Protein backbone atom coordinates (compact mmCIF):
# COMPACT_ATOMS: atom_id res chain seq x y z
CA MET A 1 0.00 0.00 0.00
CA PHE A 2 0.96 3.65 -0.21
CA ALA A 3 1.88 4.26 3.41
CA THR A 4 4.02 7.35 2.75
CA ARG A 5 4.83 9.62 -0.16
CA LYS A 6 8.54 8.80 0.15
CA GLY A 7 7.81 5.11 0.36
CA PHE A 8 5.50 5.19 -2.62
CA LEU A 9 7.97 7.10 -4.80
CA LYS A 10 10.74 4.70 -3.84
CA ARG A 11 8.55 1.74 -4.72
CA ALA A 12 7.44 3.39 -7.95
CA SER A 13 11.06 4.02 -8.91
CA THR A 14 11.94 0.40 -8.14
CA ALA A 15 8.89 -0.72 -10.09
CA ALA A 16 9.89 1.38 -13.07
CA ALA A 17 13.39 -0.11 -13.05
CA ALA A 18 11.92 -3.59 -12.82
CA ALA A 19 9.57 -2.89 -15.70
CA LEU A 20 12.43 -1.58 -17.82
CA THR A 21 14.57 -4.61 -17.00
CA LEU A 22 11.69 -6.91 -17.82
CA GLY A 23 11.23 -5.22 -21.17
CA LEU A 24 14.92 -5.41 -22.01
CA LEU A 25 15.09 -9.09 -21.09
CA ALA A 26 11.91 -10.03 -22.86
CA GLY A 27 12.41 -7.99 -25.99
CA THR A 28 9.58 -8.35 -28.48
CA ALA A 29 8.96 -11.98 -27.61
CA MET A 30 6.90 -11.19 -24.54
CA ALA A 31 3.73 -9.18 -25.05
CA ALA A 32 1.45 -7.95 -22.28
CA ASP A 33 -1.76 -9.86 -21.64
CA VAL A 34 -3.69 -6.61 -21.19
CA THR A 35 -3.10 -3.15 -22.65
CA LEU A 36 -4.84 -0.25 -20.95
CA ARG A 37 -5.07 3.27 -22.39
CA MET A 38 -4.75 6.01 -19.77
CA HIS A 39 -6.13 9.36 -20.95
CA GLN A 40 -5.87 12.77 -19.29
CA PHE A 41 -5.83 16.48 -20.10
CA LEU A 42 -2.42 17.80 -19.02
CA PRO A 43 0.93 17.62 -20.83
CA ALA A 44 3.07 14.64 -19.84
CA GLN A 45 5.63 16.90 -18.16
CA ALA A 46 3.07 18.50 -15.81
CA ASN A 47 3.27 17.57 -12.14
CA VAL A 48 0.33 15.19 -11.84
CA PRO A 49 1.22 13.04 -14.87
CA LYS A 50 4.92 13.09 -13.95
CA ASN A 51 4.65 12.59 -10.18
CA VAL A 52 1.39 10.69 -9.70
CA LEU A 53 -0.06 9.02 -12.79
CA MET A 54 3.08 7.62 -14.38
CA PRO A 55 4.57 6.32 -11.11
CA TRP A 56 1.23 4.58 -10.55
CA ALA A 57 1.27 3.08 -14.04
CA GLU A 58 4.89 1.95 -13.75
CA LYS A 59 4.20 0.31 -10.41
CA VAL A 60 1.15 -1.53 -11.76
CA MET A 61 3.08 -2.76 -14.79
CA ALA A 62 5.97 -4.01 -12.67
CA GLU A 63 3.77 -5.73 -10.11
CA SER A 64 1.89 -7.49 -12.90
CA ASP A 65 5.21 -8.97 -14.10
CA GLY A 66 4.69 -7.23 -17.41
CA ARG A 67 1.26 -8.74 -18.02
CA ILE A 68 -0.37 -5.28 -17.87
CA GLU A 69 0.81 -2.55 -20.20
CA ILE A 70 -0.45 0.97 -19.58
CA GLN A 71 -0.20 3.40 -22.47
CA HIS A 72 -0.28 7.06 -21.44
CA PHE A 73 -2.14 9.53 -23.64
CA PRO A 74 -1.63 13.05 -22.23
CA SER A 75 -3.14 16.30 -23.49
CA MET A 76 -6.33 14.62 -24.76
CA GLN A 77 -4.41 12.67 -27.41
CA LEU A 78 -7.25 10.15 -27.78
CA GLY A 79 -9.50 12.99 -28.85
CA GLY A 80 -12.36 14.89 -27.31
CA THR A 81 -12.25 17.61 -24.71
CA PRO A 82 -11.56 17.43 -20.95
CA PRO A 83 -15.28 17.56 -20.04
CA GLU A 84 -15.74 14.36 -22.08
CA LEU A 85 -13.29 12.28 -20.06
CA ALA A 86 -15.91 10.95 -17.64
CA ASP A 87 -18.01 9.66 -20.53
CA GLN A 88 -14.92 8.29 -22.27
CA VAL A 89 -14.13 5.94 -19.39
CA VAL A 90 -17.76 4.86 -19.09
CA ASP A 91 -18.07 4.25 -22.84
CA GLY A 92 -14.67 2.58 -23.22
CA VAL A 93 -13.06 5.22 -25.41
CA ALA A 94 -10.34 5.16 -22.75
CA ASP A 95 -9.67 2.42 -20.23
CA ILE A 96 -8.42 4.73 -17.47
CA ILE A 97 -8.94 8.47 -17.07
CA TRP A 98 -7.93 11.23 -14.71
CA THR A 99 -10.29 14.20 -14.68
CA VAL A 100 -11.76 17.06 -12.69
CA ALA A 101 -15.15 16.20 -11.22
CA GLY A 102 -16.38 19.71 -11.95
CA TYR A 103 -15.72 19.46 -15.68
CA THR A 104 -19.21 17.96 -15.82
CA PRO A 105 -21.09 20.22 -13.36
CA GLY A 106 -23.74 18.46 -11.35
CA ARG A 107 -22.72 14.95 -12.40
CA PHE A 108 -20.86 14.19 -9.16
CA PRO A 109 -22.86 16.30 -6.71
CA ARG A 110 -21.76 14.71 -3.44
CA ALA A 111 -18.08 15.28 -4.25
CA GLU A 112 -18.78 19.01 -4.35
CA VAL A 113 -18.97 19.11 -0.55
CA PHE A 114 -15.16 19.25 -0.46
CA GLU A 115 -15.10 22.14 -2.94
CA LEU A 116 -17.16 24.50 -0.80
CA PRO A 117 -15.29 27.70 0.12
CA PHE A 118 -12.97 27.55 3.12
CA THR A 119 -13.61 23.84 3.71
CA MET A 120 -10.26 22.19 3.11
CA THR A 121 -7.31 22.03 5.50
CA ASN A 122 -4.57 20.23 3.58
CA ALA A 123 -4.71 18.06 0.51
CA GLU A 124 -3.70 14.79 2.14
CA ALA A 125 -6.28 15.05 4.91
CA VAL A 126 -9.07 16.12 2.56
CA SER A 127 -8.19 13.40 0.05
CA ARG A 128 -8.52 10.80 2.82
CA ALA A 129 -11.87 12.32 3.78
CA TYR A 130 -12.98 12.36 0.14
CA TRP A 131 -12.22 8.66 -0.39
CA THR A 132 -13.85 7.66 2.89
CA LEU A 133 -17.02 9.64 2.22
CA ALA A 134 -17.12 8.23 -1.31
CA GLU A 135 -17.04 4.69 0.05
CA GLU A 136 -19.88 5.59 2.41
CA SER A 137 -22.16 7.39 -0.03
CA MET A 138 -20.81 7.88 -3.57
CA MET A 139 -19.54 4.63 -5.10
CA ASP A 140 -23.04 3.31 -5.85
CA ALA A 141 -24.38 6.77 -6.70
CA ASP A 142 -22.10 9.42 -8.21
CA PHE A 143 -19.52 6.87 -9.40
CA ARG A 144 -21.74 3.89 -10.15
CA ASP A 145 -20.81 3.77 -13.86
CA MET A 146 -17.04 3.51 -13.35
CA LYS A 147 -14.44 1.64 -11.31
CA VAL A 148 -12.88 4.31 -9.10
CA LEU A 149 -9.13 3.94 -8.50
CA GLY A 150 -8.38 7.16 -6.67
CA LEU A 151 -10.08 10.32 -5.43
CA TRP A 152 -8.13 13.32 -4.27
CA VAL A 153 -7.90 17.12 -4.12
CA HIS A 154 -5.13 19.62 -4.82
CA GLY A 155 -3.44 22.01 -2.41
CA PRO A 156 -4.78 25.44 -1.45
CA GLY A 157 -6.45 27.20 -4.36
CA LEU A 158 -5.76 30.88 -4.89
CA ILE A 159 -6.29 33.80 -7.27
CA HIS A 160 -3.73 34.67 -9.96
CA SER A 161 -4.52 38.05 -11.49
CA LYS A 162 -3.26 40.83 -13.72
CA SER A 163 -4.30 43.49 -11.20
CA PRO A 164 -3.94 43.07 -7.42
CA ILE A 165 -6.90 41.52 -5.62
CA THR A 166 -7.07 42.02 -1.88
CA GLY A 167 -10.56 43.10 -0.86
CA LEU A 168 -13.89 41.97 -2.25
CA SER A 169 -14.34 45.25 -4.12
CA ASP A 170 -11.27 44.42 -6.23
CA LEU A 171 -13.33 41.73 -7.95
CA ASN A 172 -15.80 44.17 -9.50
CA GLY A 173 -15.82 43.67 -13.25
CA VAL A 174 -12.96 41.14 -13.21
CA LYS A 175 -13.29 38.36 -15.78
CA LEU A 176 -12.13 35.34 -13.87
CA ARG A 177 -11.67 31.67 -14.69
CA ALA A 178 -13.50 29.79 -11.95
CA PRO A 179 -12.80 26.06 -11.49
CA THR A 180 -15.92 24.69 -9.78
CA ARG A 181 -19.65 25.28 -9.42
CA ALA A 182 -19.08 26.60 -5.90
CA THR A 183 -16.42 29.10 -6.92
CA THR A 184 -18.43 30.17 -9.95
CA THR A 185 -21.34 30.98 -7.66
CA LEU A 186 -19.08 32.70 -5.16
CA PHE A 187 -17.30 34.98 -7.59
CA LYS A 188 -20.49 35.87 -9.41
CA GLU A 189 -22.04 36.99 -6.13
CA LEU A 190 -18.92 39.00 -5.33
CA GLY A 191 -19.11 41.04 -8.53
CA ALA A 192 -16.71 39.19 -10.82
CA THR A 193 -17.62 37.65 -14.16
CA PRO A 194 -16.82 33.93 -13.85
CA VAL A 195 -15.75 32.13 -17.02
CA GLY A 196 -15.68 28.35 -17.12
CA MET A 197 -12.92 26.55 -19.01
CA PRO A 198 -10.66 23.52 -18.59
CA VAL A 199 -7.21 24.14 -17.14
CA PRO A 200 -5.32 23.79 -20.48
CA ALA A 201 -7.27 26.74 -21.90
CA ILE A 202 -6.08 29.18 -19.21
CA PRO A 203 -2.82 30.45 -20.83
CA GLU A 204 -4.48 31.45 -24.09
CA ALA A 205 -7.43 32.99 -22.24
CA LEU A 206 -5.08 35.11 -20.12
CA SER A 207 -2.88 36.15 -23.02
CA LYS A 208 -5.85 37.16 -25.19
CA GLY A 209 -7.69 38.98 -22.42
CA VAL A 210 -10.60 36.54 -22.33
CA VAL A 211 -10.01 36.50 -18.57
CA ASP A 212 -8.12 38.83 -16.24
CA ALA A 213 -7.52 36.24 -13.55
CA ALA A 214 -7.50 32.50 -12.94
CA VAL A 215 -8.31 30.54 -9.81
CA ILE A 216 -6.03 27.49 -9.61
CA PRO A 217 -3.48 26.00 -7.19
CA TRP A 218 0.22 26.83 -7.43
CA GLU A 219 1.30 23.41 -8.66
CA VAL A 220 -0.18 23.68 -12.15
CA THR A 221 0.99 27.25 -12.76
CA GLY A 222 4.43 26.07 -13.85
CA ALA A 223 3.19 23.91 -16.72
CA LEU A 224 0.78 26.68 -17.78
CA LYS A 225 3.37 29.49 -17.36
CA VAL A 226 0.81 31.51 -15.43
CA ALA A 227 3.45 33.47 -13.53
CA GLU A 228 4.59 34.90 -16.86
CA LEU A 229 1.07 36.01 -17.77
CA VAL A 230 0.00 37.65 -14.50
CA GLY A 231 1.87 39.61 -11.87
CA ASN A 232 -0.26 39.08 -8.76
CA HIS A 233 -1.15 36.08 -6.64
CA THR A 234 -3.64 36.28 -3.74
CA GLU A 235 -3.21 33.76 -0.92
CA PHE A 236 -5.46 33.36 2.11
CA GLY A 237 -2.94 32.81 4.88
CA GLU A 238 -3.68 29.78 7.03
CA ASP A 239 -7.07 29.37 5.33
CA THR A 240 -7.91 27.93 1.92
CA LEU A 241 -10.29 29.60 -0.48
CA TYR A 242 -11.20 26.33 -2.22
CA THR A 243 -9.96 23.05 -3.63
CA THR A 244 -10.98 20.87 -6.57
CA THR A 245 -11.99 17.21 -6.53
CA PHE A 246 -10.36 14.80 -8.98
CA ILE A 247 -11.40 11.37 -10.23
CA PHE A 248 -9.02 8.61 -11.35
CA ALA A 249 -11.13 5.79 -12.71
CA MET A 250 -11.21 2.71 -14.93
CA ASN A 251 -13.81 1.34 -17.31
CA LYS A 252 -15.89 -1.18 -15.37
CA ASP A 253 -16.02 -3.79 -18.12
CA ARG A 254 -12.25 -3.69 -18.64
CA TYR A 255 -11.70 -4.13 -14.91
CA ASN A 256 -14.24 -6.93 -14.58
CA ALA A 257 -12.68 -8.78 -17.52
CA LEU A 258 -9.30 -8.99 -15.79
CA PRO A 259 -8.28 -12.27 -14.15
CA ASP A 260 -8.39 -12.15 -10.37
CA ASP A 261 -4.64 -11.81 -9.92
CA LEU A 262 -4.49 -8.75 -12.20
CA LYS A 263 -7.53 -7.25 -10.50
CA ALA A 264 -5.57 -7.61 -7.29
CA VAL A 265 -2.66 -5.65 -8.77
CA ILE A 266 -5.03 -2.80 -9.66
CA ASP A 267 -6.75 -2.97 -6.27
CA ASN A 268 -3.47 -3.01 -4.34
CA ASN A 269 -2.48 0.24 -6.02
CA SER A 270 -5.83 1.98 -5.59
CA GLY A 271 -7.96 3.33 -2.79
CA LEU A 272 -7.41 5.35 0.36
CA GLU A 273 -3.63 5.36 0.62
CA PHE A 274 -3.08 6.07 -3.06
CA SER A 275 -5.60 8.91 -2.88
CA ALA A 276 -3.83 10.36 0.16
CA PHE A 277 -0.47 10.07 -1.60
CA ALA A 278 -1.78 11.83 -4.71
CA GLY A 279 -3.24 14.73 -2.73
CA LYS A 280 -0.10 15.12 -0.65
CA GLN A 281 2.05 15.06 -3.79
CA MET A 282 -0.02 17.74 -5.48
CA GLN A 283 0.34 20.05 -2.49
CA ALA A 284 4.09 19.34 -2.30
CA ASP A 285 4.35 20.45 -5.92
CA ASP A 286 2.93 23.86 -4.96
CA GLY A 287 6.29 24.88 -3.50
CA PRO A 288 8.54 25.00 -6.57
CA ALA A 289 5.86 26.74 -8.65
CA ARG A 290 5.35 29.39 -5.99
CA GLU A 291 9.10 29.93 -5.69
CA ALA A 292 9.33 30.46 -9.45
CA ALA A 293 6.78 33.28 -9.17
CA VAL A 294 8.74 34.81 -6.29
CA GLU A 295 11.96 34.65 -8.31
CA ARG A 296 10.23 36.49 -11.15
CA GLY A 297 9.43 39.30 -8.73
CA ASN A 298 5.69 38.75 -8.88
CA ASN A 299 3.49 40.27 -6.17
CA ILE A 300 2.50 37.63 -3.59
CA ILE A 301 -0.46 39.00 -1.62
CA THR A 302 -1.10 37.19 1.66
CA LEU A 303 -4.36 38.23 3.26
CA THR A 304 -4.47 38.84 6.99
CA PRO A 305 -6.91 36.88 9.18
CA GLU A 306 -9.09 40.00 9.33
CA GLN A 307 -9.14 40.32 5.54
CA THR A 308 -9.83 36.60 5.13
CA ALA A 309 -12.72 36.86 7.59
CA GLU A 310 -14.43 39.25 5.18
CA TRP A 311 -14.15 36.67 2.40
CA LYS A 312 -15.41 33.89 4.68
CA GLU A 313 -18.47 35.90 5.62
CA ALA A 314 -19.23 36.59 1.97
CA ALA A 315 -18.79 32.90 1.10
CA ALA A 316 -21.07 31.52 3.81
CA GLY A 317 -24.14 31.80 1.62
CA VAL A 318 -22.58 29.59 -1.07
CA ALA A 319 -22.34 26.66 1.31
CA ASP A 320 -25.86 27.25 2.61
CA ALA A 321 -27.24 27.33 -0.93
CA TRP A 322 -25.42 24.09 -1.78
CA VAL A 323 -26.88 22.36 1.27
CA ALA A 324 -30.37 23.51 0.31
CA GLU A 325 -29.89 22.32 -3.28
CA MET A 326 -28.73 18.87 -2.12
CA ASP A 327 -31.63 18.63 0.31
CA GLU A 328 -34.07 19.40 -2.49
CA LYS A 329 -32.57 16.51 -4.47
CA GLY A 330 -32.92 14.15 -1.55
CA MET A 331 -29.17 13.92 -0.85
CA ASP A 332 -29.11 15.27 2.74
CA GLY A 333 -26.83 18.21 2.09
CA GLN A 334 -26.45 19.07 5.77
CA GLY A 335 -25.56 15.48 6.59
CA LEU A 336 -22.96 15.37 3.82
CA ARG A 337 -21.43 18.62 4.96
CA ALA A 338 -21.32 17.56 8.59
CA ARG A 339 -19.77 14.17 7.74
CA ALA A 340 -17.20 15.78 5.42
CA ALA A 341 -16.21 18.24 8.16
CA GLU A 342 -15.92 15.39 10.67
CA LEU A 343 -13.69 13.34 8.36
CA ILE A 344 -11.51 16.31 7.50
CA GLU A 345 -11.01 17.09 11.18
CA GLU A 346 -10.18 13.46 11.97
CA ASN A 347 -7.61 13.22 9.22
CA THR A 348 -6.12 16.67 9.74
CA GLY A 349 -5.39 15.74 13.33
CA GLU A 350 -3.36 12.67 12.37
């Protein structure tokens, strides 16, 4: 299992070496029993593919003794757009996908509880809470059409903008890329003009003036070169404005068709500990990207607790509205929110 980030990376590195050795020894005479196509929306050199998805794939291939081959298709190379990834894994266009739950708004409603403003603490703790709550209430509902391998969130989300944003009034008239339903609602209420788009579209949107700001975590800003396109970055001190929920999943039929021993390889590399590792790794990758912005001389704005309190007060209605919406749909929004908060607190205290 994935007990620690260091341990997982060491095992993944060993697995990769074993897979390479196996390939060199076997040559072309030994073909994999199963070939799985892994599809996702970021370039291969971005942090999540490089530090999470490929180590996972290499480890699975090695532990299967070469019987599973995983082919990586980054940057939507199998076609379609990022919002289509969820359907692609259900329909079998791809065997494995990594996607943002919010790319299909409303499709994974229970997962949104972790995206509510000022809910998350740190990515590892919230990823553990996300997986646990999913096992309790989402696997046979939100995720019933796919075999879920991992569920996690990124590190603290923040605002990257062309003009400084400190107080709520600074949002007036700002065209802003918002990542989730909750943040879209929040920024609209605060006077900004939210614009929805997948992460890969952000650089062009910023450079062409389609948006003036983007709301994303630090870790992905390096691959997108955001620090070169904006000069200001608004952080919320010890608090977190938002996070985004991710889904790493496999086509159910492809999984069910595997022999039991290969299912076990997939299962042993999936679940709670892998989800926790992935979330922790994403937050760890915030550091170098933030440092790059500092080295460029960009303006890092860190809000005081008093300033953040103003944002929290303004955001309270977003959570209340979400709870009411879930209740109307028979999903017990208050119960979901209370359970999510309980799980986050339990895991943050570890």
